[in-house]
Amino acid sequence: MQIDKLRGRELDQLFKSILSLRDLEECYQFFDDLCTINEIQSLAQRLEVARMLREGATYHKIETETGASTATISRVKRCLNYGNDGYKMTLERIKDVEAE
């Protein structure tokens, strides 16, 4: 796990802060303070790329619909194939929640 190299008080604080958020509005407030709009959009774009890859979309379709570079798409695909299943876990959870 690459993130293990970063483990420490500051990262724990960040993740605990995220886990403390109670609803979508609190997420908007926190991330608006924490990140630039470009950073938030980049995170959201990567998650959308992961969703589209899992659904079998082509690089061309993903690039066209999200504006993501082929480098970003490749990186997300590598995480889907060889990562810690974080994308898979969260995409399945939000899919289940959205289906309710």
Foldseek 3Di string as FASTA:
>chain_A
DVCVVVDDDVVVVVVVVVVPDDDDVSVCVVCVVVDPPVVVLVVVLLLVLLVCVVVPDDPVVSCVPRVDDVVSSVVSVCCCVPNDCPSVVVVVVVVVVVVD
